[in-house]
PDB file of N, CA and C in Angstrom:
ATOM      1  N   UNK A   1      16.249   8.258  -0.753  1.00  0.00           N
ATOM      2  CA  UNK A   1      15.577   8.566   0.684  1.00  0.00           C
ATOM      3  C   UNK A   1      15.063   7.581   0.939  1.00  0.00           C
ATOM      4  N   UNK A   2      15.351   6.730   2.281  1.00  0.00           N
ATOM      5  CA  UNK A   2      14.952   5.363   3.247  1.00  0.00           C
ATOM      6  C   UNK A   2      13.645   5.865   3.647  1.00  0.00           C
ATOM      7  N   UNK A   3      12.164   5.104   3.424  1.00  0.00           N
ATOM      8  CA  UNK A   3      11.124   5.346   4.032  1.00  0.00           C
ATOM      9  C   UNK A   3      11.240   4.990   5.451  1.00  0.00           C
ATOM     10  N   UNK A   4      12.118   4.593   6.015  1.00  0.00           N
ATOM     11  CA  UNK A   4      12.433   4.298   7.416  1.00  0.00           C
ATOM     12  C   UNK A   4      13.168   5.089   8.164  1.00  0.00           C
ATOM     13  N   UNK A   5      13.273   6.094   7.526  1.00  0.00           N
ATOM     14  CA  UNK A   5      14.152   7.453   8.253  1.00  0.00           C
ATOM     15  C   UNK A   5      13.530   7.827   9.380  1.00  0.00           C
ATOM     16  N   UNK A   6      14.225   8.393  10.424  1.00  0.00           N
ATOM     17  CA  UNK A   6      13.180   8.744  11.403  1.00  0.00           C
ATOM     18  C   UNK A   6      12.316   9.856  11.088  1.00  0.00           C
ATOM     19  N   UNK A   7      13.512  10.897  10.345  1.00  0.00           N
ATOM     20  CA  UNK A   7      12.671  12.062   9.814  1.00  0.00           C
ATOM     21  C   UNK A   7      11.844  12.252   8.726  1.00  0.00           C
ATOM     22  N   UNK A   8      11.187  10.815   8.121  1.00  0.00           N
ATOM     23  CA  UNK A   8      10.711  10.874   7.228  1.00  0.00           C
ATOM     24  C   UNK A   8       9.300  11.829   6.589  1.00  0.00           C
ATOM     25  N   UNK A   9       8.512  12.163   7.840  1.00  0.00           N
ATOM     26  CA  UNK A   9       7.333  12.800   7.668  1.00  0.00           C
ATOM     27  C   UNK A   9       7.704  14.537   7.315  1.00  0.00           C
ATOM     28  N   UNK A  10       8.747  14.943   8.015  1.00  0.00           N
ATOM     29  CA  UNK A  10       9.421  16.006   7.482  1.00  0.00           C
ATOM     30  C   UNK A  10       9.581  16.025   6.204  1.00  0.00           C
ATOM     31  N   UNK A  11      10.251  15.162   5.585  1.00  0.00           N
ATOM     32  CA  UNK A  11      10.925  15.106   4.184  1.00  0.00           C
ATOM     33  C   UNK A  11       9.570  15.042   3.494  1.00  0.00           C
ATOM     34  N   UNK A  12       8.590  14.435   3.804  1.00  0.00           N
ATOM     35  CA  UNK A  12       7.248  14.730   2.939  1.00  0.00           C
ATOM     36  C   UNK A  12       6.952  15.974   2.774  1.00  0.00           C
ATOM     37  N   UNK A  13       6.889  16.301   3.953  1.00  0.00           N
ATOM     38  CA  UNK A  13       6.450  18.186   4.000  1.00  0.00           C
ATOM     39  C   UNK A  13       7.395  19.077   3.102  1.00  0.00           C
ATOM     40  N   UNK A  14       8.597  18.562   3.339  1.00  0.00           N
ATOM     41  CA  UNK A  14       9.308  19.390   2.491  1.00  0.00           C
ATOM     42  C   UNK A  14       9.530  19.245   0.866  1.00  0.00           C
ATOM     43  N   UNK A  15       8.973  18.473   0.561  1.00  0.00           N
ATOM     44  CA  UNK A  15       8.935  17.871  -0.970  1.00  0.00           C
ATOM     45  C   UNK A  15       8.215  18.415  -1.420  1.00  0.00           C
ATOM     46  N   UNK A  16       6.781  19.112  -1.079  1.00  0.00           N
ATOM     47  CA  UNK A  16       5.725  19.500  -1.296  1.00  0.00           C
ATOM     48  C   UNK A  16       4.616  18.714  -2.039  1.00  0.00           C
ATOM     49  N   UNK A  17       4.318  18.911  -2.905  1.00  0.00           N
ATOM     50  CA  UNK A  17       2.550  18.394  -3.249  1.00  0.00           C
ATOM     51  C   UNK A  17       2.918  16.923  -4.278  1.00  0.00           C
ATOM     52  N   UNK A  18       3.410  16.078  -4.119  1.00  0.00           N
ATOM     53  CA  UNK A  18       3.879  14.756  -4.241  1.00  0.00           C
ATOM     54  C   UNK A  18       2.700  13.815  -3.529  1.00  0.00           C
ATOM     55  N   UNK A  19       3.210  14.374  -2.102  1.00  0.00           N
ATOM     56  CA  UNK A  19       2.489  13.726  -0.877  1.00  0.00           C
ATOM     57  C   UNK A  19       0.817  13.732  -1.163  1.00  0.00           C
ATOM     58  N   UNK A  20       0.564  14.875  -1.514  1.00  0.00           N
ATOM     59  CA  UNK A  20      -1.155  15.030  -1.924  1.00  0.00           C
ATOM     60  C   UNK A  20      -1.295  14.463  -3.173  1.00  0.00           C
ATOM     61  N   UNK A  21      -0.543  14.394  -3.975  1.00  0.00           N
ATOM     62  CA  UNK A  21      -1.021  13.370  -5.147  1.00  0.00           C
ATOM     63  C   UNK A  21      -1.104  11.747  -5.116  1.00  0.00           C
ATOM     64  N   UNK A  22      -0.160  11.361  -4.445  1.00  0.00           N
ATOM     65  CA  UNK A  22      -0.340  10.340  -3.795  1.00  0.00           C
ATOM     66  C   UNK A  22      -1.518   9.880  -3.047  1.00  0.00           C
ATOM     67  N   UNK A  23      -1.825  10.602  -2.062  1.00  0.00           N
ATOM     68  CA  UNK A  23      -3.166  10.539  -1.040  1.00  0.00           C
ATOM     69  C   UNK A  23      -4.373  10.410  -2.128  1.00  0.00           C
ATOM     70  N   UNK A  24      -4.275  11.540  -3.031  1.00  0.00           N
ATOM     71  CA  UNK A  24      -5.574  11.917  -3.891  1.00  0.00           C
ATOM     72  C   UNK A  24      -5.942  10.432  -4.739  1.00  0.00           C
ATOM     73  N   UNK A  25      -4.529   9.849  -4.967  1.00  0.00           N
ATOM     74  CA  UNK A  25      -4.536   8.721  -6.128  1.00  0.00           C
ATOM     75  C   UNK A  25      -5.114   7.607  -5.138  1.00  0.00           C
ATOM     76  N   UNK A  26      -4.419   7.134  -4.340  1.00  0.00           N
ATOM     77  CA  UNK A  26      -5.055   6.209  -3.210  1.00  0.00           C
ATOM     78  C   UNK A  26      -6.447   6.507  -2.795  1.00  0.00           C
ATOM     79  N   UNK A  27      -6.605   7.639  -2.574  1.00  0.00           N
ATOM     80  CA  UNK A  27      -8.449   7.462  -2.443  1.00  0.00           C
ATOM     81  C   UNK A  27      -9.340   7.350  -3.474  1.00  0.00           C
ATOM     82  N   UNK A  28      -8.916   8.070  -4.624  1.00  0.00           N
ATOM     83  CA  UNK A  28      -9.681   7.618  -5.701  1.00  0.00           C
ATOM     84  C   UNK A  28      -9.715   6.009  -5.912  1.00  0.00           C
ATOM     85  N   UNK A  29      -8.483   5.521  -6.219  1.00  0.00           N
ATOM     86  CA  UNK A  29      -8.613   4.136  -6.522  1.00  0.00           C
ATOM     87  C   UNK A  29      -9.489   3.339  -5.556  1.00  0.00           C
ATOM     88  N   UNK A  30      -9.150   3.711  -4.133  1.00  0.00           N
ATOM     89  CA  UNK A  30      -9.650   3.033  -3.361  1.00  0.00           C
ATOM     90  C   UNK A  30     -11.518   2.925  -2.800  1.00  0.00           C
ATOM     91  N   UNK A  31     -11.678   4.287  -3.284  1.00  0.00           N
ATOM     92  CA  UNK A  31     -12.825   4.530  -2.839  1.00  0.00           C
ATOM     93  C   UNK A  31     -12.922   5.374  -1.595  1.00  0.00           C
ATOM     94  N   UNK A  32     -12.121   5.251  -0.559  1.00  0.00           N
ATOM     95  CA  UNK A  32     -11.705   5.514   0.736  1.00  0.00           C
ATOM     96  C   UNK A  32     -11.586   7.540   0.718  1.00  0.00           C
ATOM     97  N   UNK A  33     -12.472   7.679   1.672  1.00  0.00           N
ATOM     98  CA  UNK A  33     -12.297   9.516   1.912  1.00  0.00           C
ATOM     99  C   UNK A  33     -10.803   9.900   2.124  1.00  0.00           C
ATOM    100  N   UNK A  34     -10.426  11.134   1.132  1.00  0.00           N
ATOM    101  CA  UNK A  34      -8.909  11.350   1.495  1.00  0.00           C
ATOM    102  C   UNK A  34      -8.539  11.701   3.076  1.00  0.00           C
ATOM    103  N   UNK A  35      -9.588  12.366   3.948  1.00  0.00           N
ATOM    104  CA  UNK A  35      -9.354  12.565   5.374  1.00  0.00           C
ATOM    105  C   UNK A  35      -9.363  10.977   6.311  1.00  0.00           C
ATOM    106  N   UNK A  36      -9.824   9.904   5.566  1.00  0.00           N
ATOM    107  CA  UNK A  36      -9.244   8.862   6.078  1.00  0.00           C
ATOM    108  C   UNK A  36      -8.054   8.316   6.145  1.00  0.00           C
ATOM    109  N   UNK A  37      -7.028   8.770   5.251  1.00  0.00           N
ATOM    110  CA  UNK A  37      -6.002   8.260   4.672  1.00  0.00           C
ATOM    111  C   UNK A  37      -4.760   8.884   5.543  1.00  0.00           C
ATOM    112  N   UNK A  38      -4.076   8.546   6.209  1.00  0.00           N
ATOM    113  CA  UNK A  38      -2.785   8.938   6.380  1.00  0.00           C
ATOM    114  C   UNK A  38      -1.508   8.228   6.009  1.00  0.00           C
ATOM    115  N   UNK A  39      -0.388   8.798   6.653  1.00  0.00           N
ATOM    116  CA  UNK A  39       0.939   8.184   6.102  1.00  0.00           C
ATOM    117  C   UNK A  39       1.185   6.817   6.786  1.00  0.00           C
ATOM    118  N   UNK A  40       0.337   6.363   7.869  1.00  0.00           N
ATOM    119  CA  UNK A  40       0.972   5.138   8.591  1.00  0.00           C
ATOM    120  C   UNK A  40      -0.360   4.623   8.327  1.00  0.00           C
ATOM    121  N   UNK A  41      -0.967   4.744   7.477  1.00  0.00           N
ATOM    122  CA  UNK A  41      -2.718   3.522   6.971  1.00  0.00           C
ATOM    123  C   UNK A  41      -2.003   2.781   6.541  1.00  0.00           C
ATOM    124  N   UNK A  42      -2.592   1.584   6.466  1.00  0.00           N
ATOM    125  CA  UNK A  42      -2.263   0.025   5.999  1.00  0.00           C
ATOM    126  C   UNK A  42      -2.973   0.366   4.873  1.00  0.00           C
ATOM    127  N   UNK A  43      -2.660  -0.366   3.482  1.00  0.00           N
ATOM    128  CA  UNK A  43      -3.137  -0.537   2.433  1.00  0.00           C
ATOM    129  C   UNK A  43      -4.536  -1.477   2.463  1.00  0.00           C
ATOM    130  N   UNK A  44      -3.989  -2.453   3.115  1.00  0.00           N
ATOM    131  CA  UNK A  44      -5.116  -3.709   3.212  1.00  0.00           C
ATOM    132  C   UNK A  44      -6.125  -3.318   4.412  1.00  0.00           C
ATOM    133  N   UNK A  45      -5.825  -2.755   5.600  1.00  0.00           N
ATOM    134  CA  UNK A  45      -6.782  -2.477   6.955  1.00  0.00           C
ATOM    135  C   UNK A  45      -7.514  -1.058   6.389  1.00  0.00           C
ATOM    136  N   UNK A  46      -6.982  -0.240   6.157  1.00  0.00           N
ATOM    137  CA  UNK A  46      -7.497   1.061   5.786  1.00  0.00           C
ATOM    138  C   UNK A  46      -8.583   1.294   4.386  1.00  0.00           C
ATOM    139  N   UNK A  47      -7.665   0.867   3.294  1.00  0.00           N
ATOM    140  CA  UNK A  47      -8.125   1.151   2.143  1.00  0.00           C
ATOM    141  C   UNK A  47      -8.729  -0.114   1.402  1.00  0.00           C
ATOM    142  N   UNK A  48      -8.305  -1.322   2.181  1.00  0.00           N
ATOM    143  CA  UNK A  48      -9.416  -2.606   2.100  1.00  0.00           C
ATOM    144  C   UNK A  48      -9.166  -3.075   0.788  1.00  0.00           C
ATOM    145  N   UNK A  49      -7.781  -3.050   0.567  1.00  0.00           N
ATOM    146  CA  UNK A  49      -7.041  -3.719  -1.064  1.00  0.00           C
ATOM    147  C   UNK A  49      -6.543  -4.947  -0.652  1.00  0.00           C
ATOM    148  N   UNK A  50      -6.905  -6.017  -1.346  1.00  0.00           N
ATOM    149  CA  UNK A  50      -5.992  -7.267  -0.945  1.00  0.00           C
ATOM    150  C   UNK A  50      -6.016  -7.956  -2.842  1.00  0.00           C
ATOM    151  N   UNK A  51      -5.142  -9.066  -3.242  1.00  0.00           N
ATOM    152  CA  UNK A  51      -5.333  -9.802  -4.313  1.00  0.00           C
ATOM    153  C   UNK A  51      -5.386  -8.904  -5.519  1.00  0.00           C
ATOM    154  N   UNK A  52      -6.274  -9.320  -6.663  1.00  0.00           N
ATOM    155  CA  UNK A  52      -5.870  -8.626  -7.686  1.00  0.00           C
ATOM    156  C   UNK A  52      -6.068  -7.019  -7.571  1.00  0.00           C
ATOM    157  N   UNK A  53      -7.159  -7.038  -6.745  1.00  0.00           N
ATOM    158  CA  UNK A  53      -6.931  -5.093  -6.642  1.00  0.00           C
ATOM    159  C   UNK A  53      -5.914  -4.660  -6.159  1.00  0.00           C
ATOM    160  N   UNK A  54      -5.094  -5.196  -5.352  1.00  0.00           N
ATOM    161  CA  UNK A  54      -3.899  -4.809  -4.701  1.00  0.00           C
ATOM    162  C   UNK A  54      -2.703  -4.543  -5.864  1.00  0.00           C
ATOM    163  N   UNK A  55      -2.818  -5.775  -6.504  1.00  0.00           N
ATOM    164  CA  UNK A  55      -1.807  -5.843  -7.841  1.00  0.00           C
ATOM    165  C   UNK A  55      -2.275  -4.351  -8.926  1.00  0.00           C
ATOM    166  N   UNK A  56      -3.268  -4.490  -9.128  1.00  0.00           N
ATOM    167  CA  UNK A  56      -4.225  -3.590  -9.916  1.00  0.00           C
ATOM    168  C   UNK A  56      -3.780  -2.147  -9.501  1.00  0.00           C
ATOM    169  N   UNK A  57      -3.802  -1.820  -8.288  1.00  0.00           N
ATOM    170  CA  UNK A  57      -3.529  -0.685  -7.679  1.00  0.00           C
ATOM    171  C   UNK A  57      -1.782  -0.411  -8.241  1.00  0.00           C
ATOM    172  N   UNK A  58      -1.078  -1.322  -7.626  1.00  0.00           N
ATOM    173  CA  UNK A  58       0.457  -1.109  -7.995  1.00  0.00           C
ATOM    174  C   UNK A  58       0.799  -0.898  -9.347  1.00  0.00           C
ATOM    175  N   UNK A  59      -0.111  -1.503 -10.243  1.00  0.00           N
ATOM    176  CA  UNK A  59       0.229  -1.180 -11.696  1.00  0.00           C
ATOM    177  C   UNK A  59       0.034   0.161 -12.259  1.00  0.00           C
ATOM    178  N   UNK A  60      -1.160   0.284 -11.659  1.00  0.00           N
ATOM    179  CA  UNK A  60      -1.856   1.805 -12.189  1.00  0.00           C
ATOM    180  C   UNK A  60      -0.786   3.073 -11.296  1.00  0.00           C
ATOM    181  N   UNK A  61      -0.354   2.836 -10.161  1.00  0.00           N
ATOM    182  CA  UNK A  61       0.365   3.534  -9.476  1.00  0.00           C
ATOM    183  C   UNK A  61       1.816   3.526 -10.039  1.00  0.00           C
ATOM    184  N   UNK A  62       2.313   2.358 -10.392  1.00  0.00           N
ATOM    185  CA  UNK A  62       3.920   2.899 -11.171  1.00  0.00           C
ATOM    186  C   UNK A  62       3.428   3.418 -12.390  1.00  0.00           C
ATOM    187  N   UNK A  63       2.584   3.354 -13.366  1.00  0.00           N
ATOM    188  CA  UNK A  63       2.108   3.870 -14.423  1.00  0.00           C
ATOM    189  C   UNK A  63       1.963   5.482 -14.080  1.00  0.00           C
ATOM    190  N   UNK A  64       1.005   5.652 -12.935  1.00  0.00           N
ATOM    191  CA  UNK A  64       0.806   6.963 -12.946  1.00  0.00           C
ATOM    192  C   UNK A  64       2.128   8.098 -12.463  1.00  0.00           C
ATOM    193  N   UNK A  65       2.953   7.436 -11.366  1.00  0.00           N
ATOM    194  CA  UNK A  65       4.220   8.111 -10.844  1.00  0.00           C
ATOM    195  C   UNK A  65       5.392   7.656 -11.289  1.00  0.00           C
ATOM    196  N   UNK A  66       5.286   6.917 -12.368  1.00  0.00           N
ATOM    197  CA  UNK A  66       6.654   6.257 -12.840  1.00  0.00           C
ATOM    198  C   UNK A  66       7.570   5.750 -11.847  1.00  0.00           C
ATOM    199  N   UNK A  67       6.910   4.690 -11.210  1.00  0.00           N
ATOM    200  CA  UNK A  67       7.462   3.797 -10.333  1.00  0.00           C
ATOM    201  C   UNK A  67       7.713   2.364 -10.774  1.00  0.00           C
ATOM    202  N   UNK A  68       9.139   1.982 -10.681  1.00  0.00           N
ATOM    203  CA  UNK A  68       9.568   0.829 -11.275  1.00  0.00           C
ATOM    204  C   UNK A  68       8.773  -0.290 -10.000  1.00  0.00           C
ATOM    205  N   UNK A  69       8.205  -0.754 -10.208  1.00  0.00           N
ATOM    206  CA  UNK A  69       7.486  -2.315  -9.444  1.00  0.00           C
ATOM    207  C   UNK A  69       8.134  -2.913 -10.012  1.00  0.00           C
ATOM    208  N   UNK A  70       9.104  -3.339 -10.658  1.00  0.00           N
ATOM    209  CA  UNK A  70       9.200  -4.995 -11.087  1.00  0.00           C
ATOM    210  C   UNK A  70      10.006  -5.726  -9.581  1.00  0.00           C
ATOM    211  N   UNK A  71      10.867  -4.877  -9.066  1.00  0.00           N
ATOM    212  CA  UNK A  71      10.990  -5.575  -7.845  1.00  0.00           C
ATOM    213  C   UNK A  71      10.156  -5.849  -6.253  1.00  0.00           C
ATOM    214  N   UNK A  72       9.131  -5.451  -6.732  1.00  0.00           N
ATOM    215  CA  UNK A  72       8.253  -5.444  -5.272  1.00  0.00           C
ATOM    216  C   UNK A  72       7.622  -6.563  -5.539  1.00  0.00           C
ATOM    217  N   UNK A  73       7.774  -7.466  -4.198  1.00  0.00           N
ATOM    218  CA  UNK A  73       7.407  -8.660  -3.682  1.00  0.00           C
ATOM    219  C   UNK A  73       5.987  -8.658  -3.535  1.00  0.00           C
ATOM    220  N   UNK A  74       4.907  -9.227  -4.361  1.00  0.00           N
ATOM    221  CA  UNK A  74       3.413  -8.820  -4.113  1.00  0.00           C
ATOM    222  C   UNK A  74       3.236  -9.768  -2.750  1.00  0.00           C
ATOM    223  N   UNK A  75       3.821 -11.194  -3.034  1.00  0.00           N
ATOM    224  CA  UNK A  75       3.552 -12.314  -1.913  1.00  0.00           C
ATOM    225  C   UNK A  75       3.984 -12.123  -0.343  1.00  0.00           C
ATOM    226  N   UNK A  76       4.441 -11.121  -0.250  1.00  0.00           N
ATOM    227  CA  UNK A  76       5.064 -10.656   1.000  1.00  0.00           C
ATOM    228  C   UNK A  76       4.036  -9.415   1.928  1.00  0.00           C
ATOM    229  N   UNK A  77       2.995  -9.519   1.183  1.00  0.00           N
ATOM    230  CA  UNK A  77       1.833  -7.974   1.612  1.00  0.00           C
ATOM    231  C   UNK A  77       0.545  -8.549   1.376  1.00  0.00           C
ATOM    232  N   UNK A  78       0.210  -9.293   0.208  1.00  0.00           N
ATOM    233  CA  UNK A  78      -1.223  -9.729   0.197  1.00  0.00           C
ATOM    234  C   UNK A  78      -1.364 -10.936  -0.385  1.00  0.00           C
ATOM    235  N   UNK A  79      -2.720 -11.555   0.281  1.00  0.00           N
ATOM    236  CA  UNK A  79      -2.902 -12.772   0.361  1.00  0.00           C
ATOM    237  C   UNK A  79      -3.669 -12.963  -1.221  1.00  0.00           C
ATOM    238  N   UNK A  80      -2.845 -14.210  -1.484  1.00  0.00           N
ATOM    239  CA  UNK A  80      -3.337 -14.703  -3.048  1.00  0.00           C
ATOM    240  C   UNK A  80      -4.917 -14.608  -3.112  1.00  0.00           C
ATOM    241  N   UNK A  81      -5.206 -14.292  -4.162  1.00  0.00           N
ATOM    242  CA  UNK A  81      -6.650 -14.632  -4.781  1.00  0.00           C
ATOM    243  C   UNK A  81      -7.374 -15.955  -4.443  1.00  0.00           C
ATOM    244  N   UNK A  82      -6.726 -17.070  -4.561  1.00  0.00           N
ATOM    245  CA  UNK A  82      -7.034 -18.099  -4.121  1.00  0.00           C
ATOM    246  C   UNK A  82      -7.531 -18.692  -2.964  1.00  0.00           C
ATOM    247  N   UNK A  83      -7.124 -17.470  -1.947  1.00  0.00           N
ATOM    248  CA  UNK A  83      -7.331 -17.661  -0.670  1.00  0.00           C
ATOM    249  C   UNK A  83      -8.921 -16.555  -0.200  1.00  0.00           C
ATOM    250  N   UNK A  84      -9.658 -16.203  -1.259  1.00  0.00           N
ATOM    251  CA  UNK A  84     -10.893 -15.841  -1.182  1.00  0.00           C
ATOM    252  C   UNK A  84     -11.798 -16.528  -1.296  1.00  0.00           C
ATOM    253  N   UNK A  85     -12.016 -17.568  -0.603  1.00  0.00           N
ATOM    254  CA  UNK A  85     -13.021 -18.263  -0.591  1.00  0.00           C
ATOM    255  C   UNK A  85     -13.668 -18.571   0.718  1.00  0.00           C
ATOM    256  N   UNK A  86     -14.882 -18.958   0.815  1.00  0.00           N
ATOM    257  CA  UNK A  86     -15.804 -19.401   2.074  1.00  0.00           C
ATOM    258  C   UNK A  86     -14.573 -19.803   3.195  1.00  0.00           C
ATOM    259  N   UNK A  87     -14.278 -21.047   3.081  1.00  0.00           N
ATOM    260  CA  UNK A  87     -13.437 -21.860   3.912  1.00  0.00           C
ATOM    261  C   UNK A  87     -12.296 -20.844   4.337  1.00  0.00           C
ATOM    262  N   UNK A  88     -11.433 -19.756   3.814  1.00  0.00           N
ATOM    263  CA  UNK A  88     -10.681 -19.037   4.110  1.00  0.00           C
ATOM    264  C   UNK A  88     -11.026 -17.522   5.007  1.00  0.00           C
ATOM    265  N   UNK A  89     -12.433 -17.344   4.438  1.00  0.00           N
ATOM    266  CA  UNK A  89     -13.064 -16.077   5.219  1.00  0.00           C
ATOM    267  C   UNK A  89     -13.503 -16.446   6.554  1.00  0.00           C
ATOM    268  N   UNK A  90     -13.864 -17.798   6.596  1.00  0.00           N
ATOM    269  CA  UNK A  90     -14.293 -18.153   7.919  1.00  0.00           C
ATOM    270  C   UNK A  90     -13.304 -18.564   8.853  1.00  0.00           C
ATOM    271  N   UNK A  91     -11.956 -19.387   8.392  1.00  0.00           N
ATOM    272  CA  UNK A  91     -10.681 -19.241   9.477  1.00  0.00           C
ATOM    273  C   UNK A  91     -10.334 -17.491   9.606  1.00  0.00           C
ATOM    274  N   UNK A  92     -10.220 -16.765   8.631  1.00  0.00           N
ATOM    275  CA  UNK A  92     -10.287 -15.668   8.888  1.00  0.00           C
ATOM    276  C   UNK A  92     -11.181 -14.664   9.987  1.00  0.00           C
ATOM    277  N   UNK A  93     -12.436 -15.104  10.025  1.00  0.00           N
ATOM    278  CA  UNK A  93     -13.424 -14.822  11.372  1.00  0.00           C
ATOM    279  C   UNK A  93     -13.303 -15.161  12.532  1.00  0.00           C
ATOM    280  N   UNK A  94     -12.569 -16.686  12.481  1.00  0.00           N
ATOM    281  CA  UNK A  94     -12.736 -17.509  13.745  1.00  0.00           C
ATOM    282  C   UNK A  94     -11.090 -16.747  14.442  1.00  0.00           C
ATOM    283  N   UNK A  95     -10.380 -16.802  13.847  1.00  0.00           N
ATOM    284  CA  UNK A  95      -8.824 -16.525  14.009  1.00  0.00           C
ATOM    285  C   UNK A  95      -8.574 -14.885  13.970  1.00  0.00           C
ATOM    286  N   UNK A  96      -9.455 -14.284  13.541  1.00  0.00           N
ATOM    287  CA  UNK A  96      -9.554 -12.496  13.129  1.00  0.00           C
ATOM    288  C   UNK A  96      -8.180 -12.407  13.108  1.00  0.00           C
ATOM    289  N   UNK A  97      -7.142 -12.832  12.033  1.00  0.00           N
ATOM    290  CA  UNK A  97      -5.880 -12.366  11.492  1.00  0.00           C
ATOM    291  C   UNK A  97      -5.834 -13.208  10.329  1.00  0.00           C
ATOM    292  N   UNK A  98      -4.749 -12.574   9.361  1.00  0.00           N
ATOM    293  CA  UNK A  98      -4.592 -13.183   8.482  1.00  0.00           C
ATOM    294  C   UNK A  98      -3.758 -14.885   8.983  1.00  0.00           C
ATOM    295  N   UNK A  99      -3.654 -15.576   8.338  1.00  0.00           N
ATOM    296  CA  UNK A  99      -3.195 -16.868   8.486  1.00  0.00           C
ATOM    297  C   UNK A  99      -1.954 -17.152   8.168  1.00  0.00           C
ATOM    298  N   UNK A 100      -1.110 -15.805   7.264  1.00  0.00           N
ATOM    299  CA  UNK A 100       0.199 -16.120   7.148  1.00  0.00           C
ATOM    300  C   UNK A 100       0.844 -14.810   7.707  1.00  0.00           C
ATOM    301  N   UNK A 101       1.933 -14.591   8.088  1.00  0.00           N
ATOM    302  CA  UNK A 101       2.653 -13.626   8.248  1.00  0.00           C
ATOM    303  C   UNK A 101       3.093 -12.360   7.540  1.00  0.00           C
ATOM    304  N   UNK A 102       1.932 -11.982   7.133  1.00  0.00           N
ATOM    305  CA  UNK A 102       2.233 -10.665   5.886  1.00  0.00           C
ATOM    306  C   UNK A 102       2.979  -9.389   6.086  1.00  0.00           C
ATOM    307  N   UNK A 103       3.487  -8.741   5.402  1.00  0.00           N
ATOM    308  CA  UNK A 103       3.822  -7.366   6.052  1.00  0.00           C
ATOM    309  C   UNK A 103       3.289  -6.288   5.739  1.00  0.00           C
ATOM    310  N   UNK A 104       3.201  -5.342   6.481  1.00  0.00           N
ATOM    311  CA  UNK A 104       2.285  -4.273   6.179  1.00  0.00           C
ATOM    312  C   UNK A 104       2.333  -3.142   5.011  1.00  0.00           C
ATOM    313  N   UNK A 105       1.816  -2.783   4.233  1.00  0.00           N
ATOM    314  CA  UNK A 105       1.872  -2.026   3.010  1.00  0.00           C
ATOM    315  C   UNK A 105       1.197  -0.620   3.754  1.00  0.00           C
ATOM    316  N   UNK A 106       2.441   0.394   3.889  1.00  0.00           N
ATOM    317  CA  UNK A 106       1.505   1.590   4.352  1.00  0.00           C
ATOM    318  C   UNK A 106       1.733   2.622   3.499  1.00  0.00           C
ATOM    319  N   UNK A 107       1.052   3.531   3.350  1.00  0.00           N
ATOM    320  CA  UNK A 107       0.928   5.000   2.471  1.00  0.00           C
ATOM    321  C   UNK A 107       2.277   5.282   2.528  1.00  0.00           C
ATOM    322  N   UNK A 108       2.836   5.751   3.401  1.00  0.00           N
ATOM    323  CA  UNK A 108       4.115   6.401   3.480  1.00  0.00           C
ATOM    324  C   UNK A 108       5.244   5.494   2.516  1.00  0.00           C
ATOM    325  N   UNK A 109       4.900   4.454   2.387  1.00  0.00           N
ATOM    326  CA  UNK A 109       5.856   3.464   1.119  1.00  0.00           C
ATOM    327  C   UNK A 109       5.542   4.122  -0.285  1.00  0.00           C
ATOM    328  N   UNK A 110       4.222   3.950  -0.369  1.00  0.00           N
ATOM    329  CA  UNK A 110       3.526   4.712  -1.633  1.00  0.00           C
ATOM    330  C   UNK A 110       4.241   6.359  -1.875  1.00  0.00           C
ATOM    331  N   UNK A 111       4.345   6.875  -0.864  1.00  0.00           N
ATOM    332  CA  UNK A 111       4.708   8.205  -1.052  1.00  0.00           C
ATOM    333  C   UNK A 111       6.321   7.946  -1.282  1.00  0.00           C
ATOM    334  N   UNK A 112       7.164   7.492  -0.317  1.00  0.00           N
ATOM    335  CA  UNK A 112       8.161   7.468  -0.864  1.00  0.00           C
ATOM    336  C   UNK A 112       8.251   6.897  -2.489  1.00  0.00           C
ATOM    337  N   UNK A 113       7.998   5.924  -2.818  1.00  0.00           N
ATOM    338  CA  UNK A 113       8.526   5.408  -3.948  1.00  0.00           C
ATOM    339  C   UNK A 113       8.187   6.261  -5.383  1.00  0.00           C
ATOM    340  N   UNK A 114       6.852   7.130  -4.901  1.00  0.00           N
ATOM    341  CA  UNK A 114       6.840   8.171  -5.817  1.00  0.00           C
ATOM    342  C   UNK A 114       7.860   9.534  -5.748  1.00  0.00           C
ATOM    343  N   UNK A 115       8.571   9.622  -4.629  1.00  0.00           N
ATOM    344  CA  UNK A 115       9.675  10.503  -4.552  1.00  0.00           C
ATOM    345  C   UNK A 115      10.496   9.997  -5.287  1.00  0.00           C
ATOM    346  N   UNK A 116      11.163   8.433  -4.681  1.00  0.00           N
ATOM    347  CA  UNK A 116      12.591   7.772  -5.400  1.00  0.00           C
ATOM    348  C   UNK A 116      12.228   7.246  -7.022  1.00  0.00           C
ATOM    349  N   UNK A 117      11.096   7.101  -7.599  1.00  0.00           N
ATOM    350  CA  UNK A 117      10.909   6.163  -8.351  1.00  0.00           C
ATOM    351  C   UNK A 117      10.722   4.838  -8.529  1.00  0.00           C
ATOM    352  N   UNK A 118      11.266   4.508  -7.275  1.00  0.00           N
ATOM    353  CA  UNK A 118      11.089   2.746  -6.784  1.00  0.00           C
ATOM    354  C   UNK A 118      10.320   2.299  -5.043  1.00  0.00           C
ATOM    355  N   UNK A 119       9.809   0.810  -5.322  1.00  0.00           N
ATOM    356  CA  UNK A 119       9.496   0.619  -4.187  1.00  0.00           C
ATOM    357  C   UNK A 119      10.904  -0.124  -3.761  1.00  0.00           C
ATOM    358  N   UNK A 120      11.167  -0.142  -2.243  1.00  0.00           N
ATOM    359  CA  UNK A 120      11.944  -1.074  -1.521  1.00  0.00           C
ATOM    360  C   UNK A 120      11.467  -1.803  -0.811  1.00  0.00           C
ATOM    361  N   UNK A 121      11.652  -3.213  -1.036  1.00  0.00           N
ATOM    362  CA  UNK A 121      11.135  -4.167  -0.283  1.00  0.00           C
ATOM    363  C   UNK A 121      12.256  -4.188   1.192  1.00  0.00           C
ATOM    364  N   UNK A 122      11.503  -4.581   2.470  1.00  0.00           N
ATOM    365  CA  UNK A 122      12.714  -4.425   3.537  1.00  0.00           C
ATOM    366  C   UNK A 122      12.107  -5.214   4.391  1.00  0.00           C
TER     367      UNK A 122
END
């Protein structure tokens, strides 16, 4: 299954409770209320996970849902932990965006990964 298919949301509903398990897992890991998490929620913007926290999320997710994360390129999605310093925070505040063009990592990608057993970088 490709997460970029037009009818992905329908397939999630057909598949059953795996999506619910992913939502509960992400809610428990991040501390964000389950009701505030949707398929198109961004891991950074909605769950507030970056750096080491995001890497830890991927490892726990892979273990919990038997997902191969070995080919997942973390550097395309998350700011390295080294950037969590006052200078970087000031730049982020001034320019109100990430300084590099990172890809969005959406909840629906986690659902698809749980269904297929691997993350697909696109």
